[in-house]
Amino acid sequence: MNNSKDHGAKVVSSEAYVNTNCDSECGAGVIQSDTLSAADNYPGYGGDFEVAKILTEFVIQIDTEARIRLNEPAYEIKRIEKQVFLTQCRFIAGTDKVFLEGYIRKNIEYAARTCTNSRGSGIGGVIKDTTVHVPFRAYTKVDFKGNKPYIRPNLPPVVARYLDKKCMGKDIREADRSEVEIFNEPVYCELEWSAVFDAEINAEGTPIQGFKNEEEFQEFTDKSVVYLCIKLLQKQKICWPGPKPPHPCELEECKSPMDMPWDFPSTDFTQCK
């Protein structure tokens, strides 16, 4: 073997290219530059903390009935695991109604027959499972007991028109408009706990030949009674350690545009500084 050959990796050749043409015009530069003027701001009245306040907590009962079909015939249901999932919990502002929607996830373990003893003394099978979602929908009336959500509706748009130069009608070229949009903290739900009580009823079983009281079935009726403990919450501002004296903006002589009609100049904002 010839060991004189060099099999190691190495750079065979390398060259560097440098652009030495400095006569070309560079495209980089400042396109536009502005100096911004200061904008005034005015303090708003709020609390020390913003926390989720429990508005109400209630337990609702929902009854369901469903016809369930297994993947293949079974002669016995061994176990059913149940979990409840909410897909919608919606409070309607201005009312005391909550709309609920969700499903019960049921994992059904059952025995499927594979063979029987010719003497009628034994049945052989395997354990299989089927998972189904049983939907439910309901609405309920809740009692807030004084802890109603803090929600302010938007004011309707306001338009001011002016006479034309001849005072014969409105000037279609001029109009003053005002539109205030208020953003409220949403009311949301938390599922505290759930409980499901159910019964499986099979009325259409096929007897297994040679075995008393043994039947095969593929469909059955599921009746469920569901209990849900739900909390309604909303983020609200609070003061610590106790209530503060009223802010000047809460007095009658100084109201915000959200609380008064459009009959004052915009300089009233500055009175709340």
C-alpha atoms as a PDB file:
ATOM      1  CA  MET A   1       0.000   0.000   0.000  1.00  0.00           C
ATOM      2  CA  ASN A   2       1.246   3.403  -0.954  1.00  0.00           C
ATOM      3  CA  ASN A   3       1.048   5.606   2.193  1.00  0.00           C
ATOM      4  CA  SER A   4       2.676   8.610   0.511  1.00  0.00           C
ATOM      5  CA  LYS A   5      -0.649   9.904  -0.829  1.00  0.00           C
ATOM      6  CA  ASP A   6      -2.285  12.748   1.134  1.00  0.00           C
ATOM      7  CA  HIS A   7      -6.012  12.008   1.571  1.00  0.00           C
ATOM      8  CA  GLY A   8      -6.727  14.856   4.036  1.00  0.00           C
ATOM      9  CA  ALA A   9      -9.193  17.693   3.299  1.00  0.00           C
ATOM     10  CA  LYS A  10      -7.651  21.028   2.421  1.00  0.00           C
ATOM     11  CA  VAL A  11      -8.233  24.258   0.466  1.00  0.00           C
ATOM     12  CA  VAL A  12      -6.961  23.813  -3.038  1.00  0.00           C
ATOM     13  CA  SER A  13      -7.179  27.482  -4.053  1.00  0.00           C
ATOM     14  CA  SER A  14      -8.804  30.686  -2.853  1.00  0.00           C
ATOM     15  CA  GLU A  15      -9.256  34.156  -4.349  1.00  0.00           C
ATOM     16  CA  ALA A  16     -10.856  37.311  -2.966  1.00  0.00           C
ATOM     17  CA  TYR A  17     -12.668  39.816  -5.154  1.00  0.00           C
ATOM     18  CA  VAL A  18     -12.985  43.415  -3.950  1.00  0.00           C
ATOM     19  CA  ASN A  19     -15.012  46.103  -5.671  1.00  0.00           C
ATOM     20  CA  THR A  20     -12.685  49.061  -5.920  1.00  0.00           C
ATOM     21  CA  ASN A  21     -15.049  51.172  -8.031  1.00  0.00           C
ATOM     22  CA  CYS A  22     -15.878  54.066  -5.653  1.00  0.00           C
ATOM     23  CA  ASP A  23     -17.285  56.297  -8.364  1.00  0.00           C
ATOM     24  CA  SER A  24     -20.761  54.655  -8.417  1.00  0.00           C
ATOM     25  CA  GLU A  25     -23.540  56.455  -6.505  1.00  0.00           C
ATOM     26  CA  CYS A  26     -24.766  54.771  -3.294  1.00  0.00           C
ATOM     27  CA  GLY A  27     -28.563  54.179  -3.042  1.00  0.00           C
ATOM     28  CA  ALA A  28     -28.717  54.310   0.781  1.00  0.00           C
ATOM     29  CA  GLY A  29     -29.882  57.495   2.465  1.00  0.00           C
ATOM     30  CA  VAL A  30     -32.570  59.214   4.519  1.00  0.00           C
ATOM     31  CA  ILE A  31     -35.748  59.538   2.461  1.00  0.00           C
ATOM     32  CA  GLN A  32     -37.672  61.776   4.859  1.00  0.00           C
ATOM     33  CA  SER A  33     -37.303  62.959   8.428  1.00  0.00           C
ATOM     34  CA  ASP A  34     -39.904  64.695  10.605  1.00  0.00           C
ATOM     35  CA  THR A  35     -39.763  66.077  14.124  1.00  0.00           C
ATOM     36  CA  LEU A  36     -42.931  65.130  15.958  1.00  0.00           C
ATOM     37  CA  SER A  37     -44.667  67.617  18.207  1.00  0.00           C
ATOM     38  CA  ALA A  38     -45.716  66.676  21.710  1.00  0.00           C
ATOM     39  CA  ALA A  39     -49.257  65.385  22.269  1.00  0.00           C
ATOM     40  CA  ASP A  40     -51.095  66.089  25.515  1.00  0.00           C
ATOM     41  CA  ASN A  41     -52.501  63.293  27.617  1.00  0.00           C
ATOM     42  CA  TYR A  42     -54.908  63.364  30.524  1.00  0.00           C
ATOM     43  CA  PRO A  43     -55.039  60.920  33.436  1.00  0.00           C
ATOM     44  CA  GLY A  44     -57.925  58.490  33.523  1.00  0.00           C
ATOM     45  CA  TYR A  45     -59.626  57.305  36.674  1.00  0.00           C
ATOM     46  CA  GLY A  46     -59.032  53.638  37.373  1.00  0.00           C
ATOM     47  CA  GLY A  47     -58.371  51.229  40.184  1.00  0.00           C
ATOM     48  CA  ASP A  48     -55.185  49.900  41.638  1.00  0.00           C
ATOM     49  CA  PHE A  49     -55.623  46.401  40.224  1.00  0.00           C
ATOM     50  CA  GLU A  50     -57.536  44.687  37.455  1.00  0.00           C
ATOM     51  CA  VAL A  51     -58.699  41.260  38.589  1.00  0.00           C
ATOM     52  CA  ALA A  52     -61.260  38.691  37.518  1.00  0.00           C
ATOM     53  CA  LYS A  53     -64.378  39.181  39.629  1.00  0.00           C
ATOM     54  CA  ILE A  54     -66.761  36.270  40.161  1.00  0.00           C
ATOM     55  CA  LEU A  55     -70.186  37.534  39.122  1.00  0.00           C
ATOM     56  CA  THR A  56     -72.112  34.378  39.921  1.00  0.00           C
ATOM     57  CA  GLU A  57     -71.672  30.636  40.350  1.00  0.00           C
ATOM     58  CA  PHE A  58     -74.400  28.126  39.599  1.00  0.00           C
ATOM     59  CA  VAL A  59     -75.095  24.432  38.975  1.00  0.00           C
ATOM     60  CA  ILE A  60     -77.127  23.517  35.902  1.00  0.00           C
ATOM     61  CA  GLN A  61     -78.709  20.161  35.095  1.00  0.00           C
ATOM     62  CA  ILE A  62     -78.856  19.042  31.449  1.00  0.00           C
ATOM     63  CA  ASP A  63     -80.621  15.828  30.358  1.00  0.00           C
ATOM     64  CA  THR A  64     -79.661  14.084  27.113  1.00  0.00           C
ATOM     65  CA  GLU A  65     -80.752  10.997  25.235  1.00  0.00           C
ATOM     66  CA  ALA A  66     -78.801   9.520  22.338  1.00  0.00           C
ATOM     67  CA  ARG A  67     -78.865   6.427  20.168  1.00  0.00           C
ATOM     68  CA  ILE A  68     -75.321   5.022  19.926  1.00  0.00           C
ATOM     69  CA  ARG A  69     -74.020   2.461  17.441  1.00  0.00           C
ATOM     70  CA  LEU A  70     -70.879   0.434  18.163  1.00  0.00           C
ATOM     71  CA  ASN A  71     -68.320  -0.461  15.520  1.00  0.00           C
ATOM     72  CA  GLU A  72     -69.335  -4.156  15.711  1.00  0.00           C
ATOM     73  CA  PRO A  73     -71.764  -6.330  17.695  1.00  0.00           C
ATOM     74  CA  ALA A  74     -71.061  -6.746  21.415  1.00  0.00           C
ATOM     75  CA  TYR A  75     -72.508  -8.979  24.109  1.00  0.00           C
ATOM     76  CA  GLU A  76     -71.502  -6.842  27.100  1.00  0.00           C
ATOM     77  CA  ILE A  77     -70.404  -3.266  27.861  1.00  0.00           C
ATOM     78  CA  LYS A  78     -67.501  -3.360  30.273  1.00  0.00           C
ATOM     79  CA  ARG A  79     -66.835   0.288  31.055  1.00  0.00           C
ATOM     80  CA  ILE A  80     -67.682   3.799  29.886  1.00  0.00           C
ATOM     81  CA  GLU A  81     -65.391   6.721  30.684  1.00  0.00           C
ATOM     82  CA  LYS A  82     -67.116  10.106  30.482  1.00  0.00           C
ATOM     83  CA  GLN A  83     -65.763  13.652  30.213  1.00  0.00           C
ATOM     84  CA  VAL A  84     -67.678  16.886  29.611  1.00  0.00           C
ATOM     85  CA  PHE A  85     -66.374  19.620  27.307  1.00  0.00           C
ATOM     86  CA  LEU A  86     -67.921  23.053  26.794  1.00  0.00           C
ATOM     87  CA  THR A  87     -67.653  24.555  23.318  1.00  0.00           C
ATOM     88  CA  GLN A  88     -69.756  27.655  24.047  1.00  0.00           C
ATOM     89  CA  CYS A  89     -70.738  29.576  27.162  1.00  0.00           C
ATOM     90  CA  ARG A  90     -72.184  32.942  26.183  1.00  0.00           C
ATOM     91  CA  PHE A  91     -73.747  35.579  28.388  1.00  0.00           C
ATOM     92  CA  ILE A  92     -76.057  38.019  26.581  1.00  0.00           C
ATOM     93  CA  ALA A  93     -75.530  41.584  27.803  1.00  0.00           C
ATOM     94  CA  GLY A  94     -78.617  43.329  29.124  1.00  0.00           C
ATOM     95  CA  THR A  95     -80.253  40.033  30.116  1.00  0.00           C
ATOM     96  CA  ASP A  96     -79.806  37.334  32.729  1.00  0.00           C
ATOM     97  CA  LYS A  97     -79.513  34.488  30.197  1.00  0.00           C
ATOM     98  CA  VAL A  98     -76.501  32.259  29.509  1.00  0.00           C
ATOM     99  CA  PHE A  99     -76.338  29.969  26.474  1.00  0.00           C
ATOM    100  CA  LEU A 100     -74.370  26.732  26.801  1.00  0.00           C
ATOM    101  CA  GLU A 101     -73.177  24.231  24.229  1.00  0.00           C
ATOM    102  CA  GLY A 102     -70.842  21.261  24.471  1.00  0.00           C
ATOM    103  CA  TYR A 103     -70.591  17.490  24.350  1.00  0.00           C
ATOM    104  CA  ILE A 104     -70.042  14.423  26.498  1.00  0.00           C
ATOM    105  CA  ARG A 105     -67.064  12.368  25.359  1.00  0.00           C
ATOM    106  CA  LYS A 106     -67.800   8.707  26.021  1.00  0.00           C
ATOM    107  CA  ASN A 107     -65.169   6.024  25.596  1.00  0.00           C
ATOM    108  CA  ILE A 108     -67.073   2.712  25.541  1.00  0.00           C
ATOM    109  CA  GLU A 109     -65.207  -0.534  26.225  1.00  0.00           C
ATOM    110  CA  TYR A 110     -67.167  -3.638  25.227  1.00  0.00           C
ATOM    111  CA  ALA A 111     -66.730  -7.391  24.717  1.00  0.00           C
ATOM    112  CA  ALA A 112     -67.034  -8.594  21.116  1.00  0.00           C
ATOM    113  CA  ARG A 113     -67.679 -12.308  20.595  1.00  0.00           C
ATOM    114  CA  THR A 114     -65.150 -14.297  18.565  1.00  0.00           C
ATOM    115  CA  CYS A 115     -66.193 -17.887  19.388  1.00  0.00           C
ATOM    116  CA  THR A 116     -68.625 -20.013  21.436  1.00  0.00           C
ATOM    117  CA  ASN A 117     -68.317 -23.460  22.989  1.00  0.00           C
ATOM    118  CA  SER A 118     -70.333 -26.060  21.091  1.00  0.00           C
ATOM    119  CA  ARG A 119     -71.644 -27.438  24.387  1.00  0.00           C
ATOM    120  CA  GLY A 120     -73.040 -24.025  25.326  1.00  0.00           C
ATOM    121  CA  SER A 121     -70.724 -23.541  28.280  1.00  0.00           C
ATOM    122  CA  GLY A 122     -68.450 -20.675  27.239  1.00  0.00           C
ATOM    123  CA  ILE A 123     -68.105 -17.565  25.079  1.00  0.00           C
ATOM    124  CA  GLY A 124     -64.772 -16.187  23.865  1.00  0.00           C
ATOM    125  CA  GLY A 125     -64.213 -12.598  22.859  1.00  0.00           C
ATOM    126  CA  VAL A 126     -61.943  -9.568  22.780  1.00  0.00           C
ATOM    127  CA  ILE A 127     -62.224  -6.178  24.454  1.00  0.00           C
ATOM    128  CA  LYS A 128     -62.668  -3.309  21.999  1.00  0.00           C
ATOM    129  CA  ASP A 129     -63.665   0.310  22.313  1.00  0.00           C
ATOM    130  CA  THR A 130     -65.643   3.038  20.576  1.00  0.00           C
ATOM    131  CA  THR A 131     -65.476   6.766  21.336  1.00  0.00           C
ATOM    132  CA  VAL A 132     -68.470   8.991  20.658  1.00  0.00           C
ATOM    133  CA  HIS A 133     -69.345  12.645  21.309  1.00  0.00           C
ATOM    134  CA  VAL A 134     -72.871  13.204  22.614  1.00  0.00           C
ATOM    135  CA  PRO A 135     -73.786  16.872  22.005  1.00  0.00           C
ATOM    136  CA  PHE A 136     -75.964  19.043  24.223  1.00  0.00           C
ATOM    137  CA  ARG A 137     -77.355  22.585  24.066  1.00  0.00           C
ATOM    138  CA  ALA A 138     -79.171  24.586  26.722  1.00  0.00           C
ATOM    139  CA  TYR A 139     -79.796  28.044  28.119  1.00  0.00           C
ATOM    140  CA  THR A 140     -80.415  29.085  31.689  1.00  0.00           C
ATOM    141  CA  LYS A 141     -81.401  32.121  33.723  1.00  0.00           C
ATOM    142  CA  VAL A 142     -78.829  33.212  36.327  1.00  0.00           C
ATOM    143  CA  ASP A 143     -79.058  35.329  39.457  1.00  0.00           C
ATOM    144  CA  PHE A 144     -76.212  37.831  39.829  1.00  0.00           C
ATOM    145  CA  LYS A 145     -77.365  38.944  43.318  1.00  0.00           C
ATOM    146  CA  GLY A 146     -76.122  42.499  42.774  1.00  0.00           C
ATOM    147  CA  ASN A 147     -72.860  41.519  41.001  1.00  0.00           C
ATOM    148  CA  LYS A 148     -74.001  42.328  37.496  1.00  0.00           C
ATOM    149  CA  PRO A 149     -71.386  42.729  34.757  1.00  0.00           C
ATOM    150  CA  TYR A 150     -70.032  46.224  34.168  1.00  0.00           C
ATOM    151  CA  ILE A 151     -70.925  46.877  30.533  1.00  0.00           C
ATOM    152  CA  ARG A 152     -71.426  50.272  28.882  1.00  0.00           C
ATOM    153  CA  PRO A 153     -73.142  50.388  25.475  1.00  0.00           C
ATOM    154  CA  ASN A 154     -71.899  52.537  22.633  1.00  0.00           C
ATOM    155  CA  LEU A 155     -73.594  55.862  22.033  1.00  0.00           C
ATOM    156  CA  PRO A 156     -75.323  56.409  18.688  1.00  0.00           C
ATOM    157  CA  PRO A 157     -73.363  58.472  16.139  1.00  0.00           C
ATOM    158  CA  VAL A 158     -74.067  62.211  16.230  1.00  0.00           C
ATOM    159  CA  VAL A 159     -74.079  64.520  13.180  1.00  0.00           C
ATOM    160  CA  ALA A 160     -74.319  68.328  13.209  1.00  0.00           C
ATOM    161  CA  ARG A 161     -75.453  70.089  10.023  1.00  0.00           C
ATOM    162  CA  TYR A 162     -75.239  73.780   9.047  1.00  0.00           C
ATOM    163  CA  LEU A 163     -77.258  76.132   6.890  1.00  0.00           C
ATOM    164  CA  ASP A 164     -75.972  77.041   3.480  1.00  0.00           C
ATOM    165  CA  LYS A 165     -74.919  80.577   2.621  1.00  0.00           C
ATOM    166  CA  LYS A 166     -78.427  81.547   1.551  1.00  0.00           C
ATOM    167  CA  CYS A 167     -79.985  80.028   4.701  1.00  0.00           C
ATOM    168  CA  MET A 168     -82.326  78.042   2.476  1.00  0.00           C
ATOM    169  CA  GLY A 169     -81.274  74.563   3.523  1.00  0.00           C
ATOM    170  CA  LYS A 170     -78.401  72.492   4.782  1.00  0.00           C
ATOM    171  CA  ASP A 171     -74.910  72.891   3.481  1.00  0.00           C
ATOM    172  CA  ILE A 172     -74.153  69.495   1.977  1.00  0.00           C
ATOM    173  CA  ARG A 173     -70.430  70.282   1.957  1.00  0.00           C
ATOM    174  CA  GLU A 174     -70.053  70.627   5.718  1.00  0.00           C
ATOM    175  CA  ALA A 175     -70.926  68.346   8.613  1.00  0.00           C
ATOM    176  CA  ASP A 176     -69.491  67.667  12.054  1.00  0.00           C
ATOM    177  CA  ARG A 177     -69.610  64.111  13.286  1.00  0.00           C
ATOM    178  CA  SER A 178     -68.944  62.305  16.520  1.00  0.00           C
ATOM    179  CA  GLU A 179     -68.778  58.576  17.141  1.00  0.00           C
ATOM    180  CA  VAL A 180     -67.643  57.043  20.430  1.00  0.00           C
ATOM    181  CA  GLU A 181     -66.736  53.351  20.655  1.00  0.00           C
ATOM    182  CA  ILE A 182     -66.438  51.730  24.076  1.00  0.00           C
ATOM    183  CA  PHE A 183     -64.574  48.473  24.623  1.00  0.00           C
ATOM    184  CA  ASN A 184     -65.845  46.378  27.525  1.00  0.00           C
ATOM    185  CA  GLU A 185     -64.194  43.480  29.256  1.00  0.00           C
ATOM    186  CA  PRO A 186     -65.964  40.282  28.131  1.00  0.00           C
ATOM    187  CA  VAL A 187     -67.884  38.064  30.515  1.00  0.00           C
ATOM    188  CA  TYR A 188     -66.430  34.565  30.367  1.00  0.00           C
ATOM    189  CA  CYS A 189     -67.116  31.167  31.916  1.00  0.00           C
ATOM    190  CA  GLU A 190     -65.113  28.646  33.893  1.00  0.00           C
ATOM    191  CA  LEU A 191     -66.222  25.052  34.343  1.00  0.00           C
ATOM    192  CA  GLU A 192     -65.714  24.318  38.038  1.00  0.00           C
ATOM    193  CA  TRP A 193     -66.760  20.659  37.995  1.00  0.00           C
ATOM    194  CA  SER A 194     -69.002  18.249  36.118  1.00  0.00           C
ATOM    195  CA  ALA A 195     -70.879  15.048  36.947  1.00  0.00           C
ATOM    196  CA  VAL A 196     -72.530  12.559  34.589  1.00  0.00           C
ATOM    197  CA  PHE A 197     -75.065   9.886  35.554  1.00  0.00           C
ATOM    198  CA  ASP A 198     -76.180   7.644  32.709  1.00  0.00           C
ATOM    199  CA  ALA A 199     -77.944   4.437  31.766  1.00  0.00           C
ATOM    200  CA  GLU A 200     -77.475   2.170  28.746  1.00  0.00           C
ATOM    201  CA  ILE A 201     -80.621   0.452  27.518  1.00  0.00           C
ATOM    202  CA  ASN A 202     -80.599  -2.254  24.841  1.00  0.00           C
ATOM    203  CA  ALA A 203     -83.994  -3.442  23.638  1.00  0.00           C
ATOM    204  CA  GLU A 204     -83.014  -5.080  20.333  1.00  0.00           C
ATOM    205  CA  GLY A 205     -80.502  -7.774  21.250  1.00  0.00           C
ATOM    206  CA  THR A 206     -80.043 -10.971  19.238  1.00  0.00           C
ATOM    207  CA  PRO A 207     -79.919 -14.113  21.434  1.00  0.00           C
ATOM    208  CA  ILE A 208     -76.721 -16.151  21.264  1.00  0.00           C
ATOM    209  CA  GLN A 209     -77.711 -19.683  20.394  1.00  0.00           C
ATOM    210  CA  GLY A 210     -77.228 -22.138  23.222  1.00  0.00           C
ATOM    211  CA  PHE A 211     -76.765 -19.481  25.936  1.00  0.00           C
ATOM    212  CA  LYS A 212     -79.568 -18.257  28.155  1.00  0.00           C
ATOM    213  CA  ASN A 213     -79.780 -14.535  28.837  1.00  0.00           C
ATOM    214  CA  GLU A 214     -76.877 -13.804  26.470  1.00  0.00           C
ATOM    215  CA  GLU A 215     -77.499 -11.413  23.594  1.00  0.00           C
ATOM    216  CA  GLU A 216     -75.526  -9.538  21.003  1.00  0.00           C
ATOM    217  CA  PHE A 217     -76.310  -5.928  20.159  1.00  0.00           C
ATOM    218  CA  GLN A 218     -74.737  -3.134  18.155  1.00  0.00           C
ATOM    219  CA  GLU A 219     -76.978  -0.217  19.060  1.00  0.00           C
ATOM    220  CA  PHE A 220     -78.243   0.993  22.405  1.00  0.00           C
ATOM    221  CA  THR A 221     -79.954   4.013  23.932  1.00  0.00           C
ATOM    222  CA  ASP A 222     -77.905   6.228  26.226  1.00  0.00           C
ATOM    223  CA  LYS A 223     -79.709   8.420  28.766  1.00  0.00           C
ATOM    224  CA  SER A 224     -77.530  10.907  30.646  1.00  0.00           C
ATOM    225  CA  VAL A 225     -78.103  13.421  33.412  1.00  0.00           C
ATOM    226  CA  VAL A 226     -75.327  16.018  33.415  1.00  0.00           C
ATOM    227  CA  TYR A 227     -74.551  18.485  36.196  1.00  0.00           C
ATOM    228  CA  LEU A 228     -72.248  21.434  35.473  1.00  0.00           C
ATOM    229  CA  CYS A 229     -70.915  23.913  38.010  1.00  0.00           C
ATOM    230  CA  ILE A 230     -70.118  27.124  36.144  1.00  0.00           C
ATOM    231  CA  LYS A 231     -68.659  30.462  37.182  1.00  0.00           C
ATOM    232  CA  LEU A 232     -69.220  33.698  35.287  1.00  0.00           C
ATOM    233  CA  LEU A 233     -66.333  36.152  35.602  1.00  0.00           C
ATOM    234  CA  GLN A 234     -65.313  39.563  34.309  1.00  0.00           C
ATOM    235  CA  LYS A 235     -62.123  41.566  34.702  1.00  0.00           C
ATOM    236  CA  GLN A 236     -62.823  44.682  36.737  1.00  0.00           C
ATOM    237  CA  LYS A 237     -60.741  47.438  38.316  1.00  0.00           C
ATOM    238  CA  ILE A 238     -60.601  47.538  42.105  1.00  0.00           C
ATOM    239  CA  CYS A 239     -59.115  49.891  44.673  1.00  0.00           C
ATOM    240  CA  TRP A 240     -56.857  48.771  47.502  1.00  0.00           C
ATOM    241  CA  PRO A 241     -57.174  48.724  50.462  1.00  0.00           C
ATOM    242  CA  GLY A 242     -60.585  50.351  50.226  1.00  0.00           C
ATOM    243  CA  PRO A 243     -62.753  52.683  48.162  1.00  0.00           C
ATOM    244  CA  LYS A 244     -61.196  55.959  47.093  1.00  0.00           C
ATOM    245  CA  PRO A 245     -62.924  59.362  47.123  1.00  0.00           C
ATOM    246  CA  PRO A 246     -64.721  60.196  43.871  1.00  0.00           C
ATOM    247  CA  HIS A 247     -62.527  61.369  41.059  1.00  0.00           C
ATOM    248  CA  PRO A 248     -63.312  64.840  39.656  1.00  0.00           C
ATOM    249  CA  CYS A 249     -64.407  63.207  36.419  1.00  0.00           C
ATOM    250  CA  GLU A 250     -67.168  61.390  38.312  1.00  0.00           C
ATOM    251  CA  LEU A 251     -68.798  64.627  39.475  1.00  0.00           C
ATOM    252  CA  GLU A 252     -71.796  66.008  37.653  1.00  0.00           C
ATOM    253  CA  GLU A 253     -69.964  69.141  36.566  1.00  0.00           C
ATOM    254  CA  CYS A 254     -67.294  67.153  34.759  1.00  0.00           C
ATOM    255  CA  LYS A 255     -68.513  64.165  32.791  1.00  0.00           C
ATOM    256  CA  SER A 256     -66.811  62.310  29.958  1.00  0.00           C
ATOM    257  CA  PRO A 257     -68.250  62.225  26.416  1.00  0.00           C
ATOM    258  CA  MET A 258     -69.416  58.661  27.097  1.00  0.00           C
ATOM    259  CA  ASP A 259     -71.795  59.920  29.821  1.00  0.00           C
ATOM    260  CA  MET A 260     -73.137  63.171  28.360  1.00  0.00           C
ATOM    261  CA  PRO A 261     -74.860  64.339  25.177  1.00  0.00           C
ATOM    262  CA  TRP A 262     -72.857  66.241  22.609  1.00  0.00           C
ATOM    263  CA  ASP A 263     -73.489  69.755  23.917  1.00  0.00           C
ATOM    264  CA  PHE A 264     -70.138  70.835  25.284  1.00  0.00           C
ATOM    265  CA  PRO A 265     -66.790  71.889  23.749  1.00  0.00           C
ATOM    266  CA  SER A 266     -63.927  69.439  23.551  1.00  0.00           C
ATOM    267  CA  THR A 267     -61.993  71.558  26.078  1.00  0.00           C
ATOM    268  CA  ASP A 268     -64.064  69.925  28.829  1.00  0.00           C
ATOM    269  CA  PHE A 269     -61.584  67.078  28.645  1.00  0.00           C
ATOM    270  CA  THR A 270     -58.929  69.292  30.214  1.00  0.00           C
ATOM    271  CA  GLN A 271     -61.059  69.887  33.312  1.00  0.00           C
ATOM    272  CA  CYS A 272     -60.457  66.300  34.336  1.00  0.00           C
ATOM    273  CA  LYS A 273     -56.670  66.570  34.465  1.00  0.00           C
END
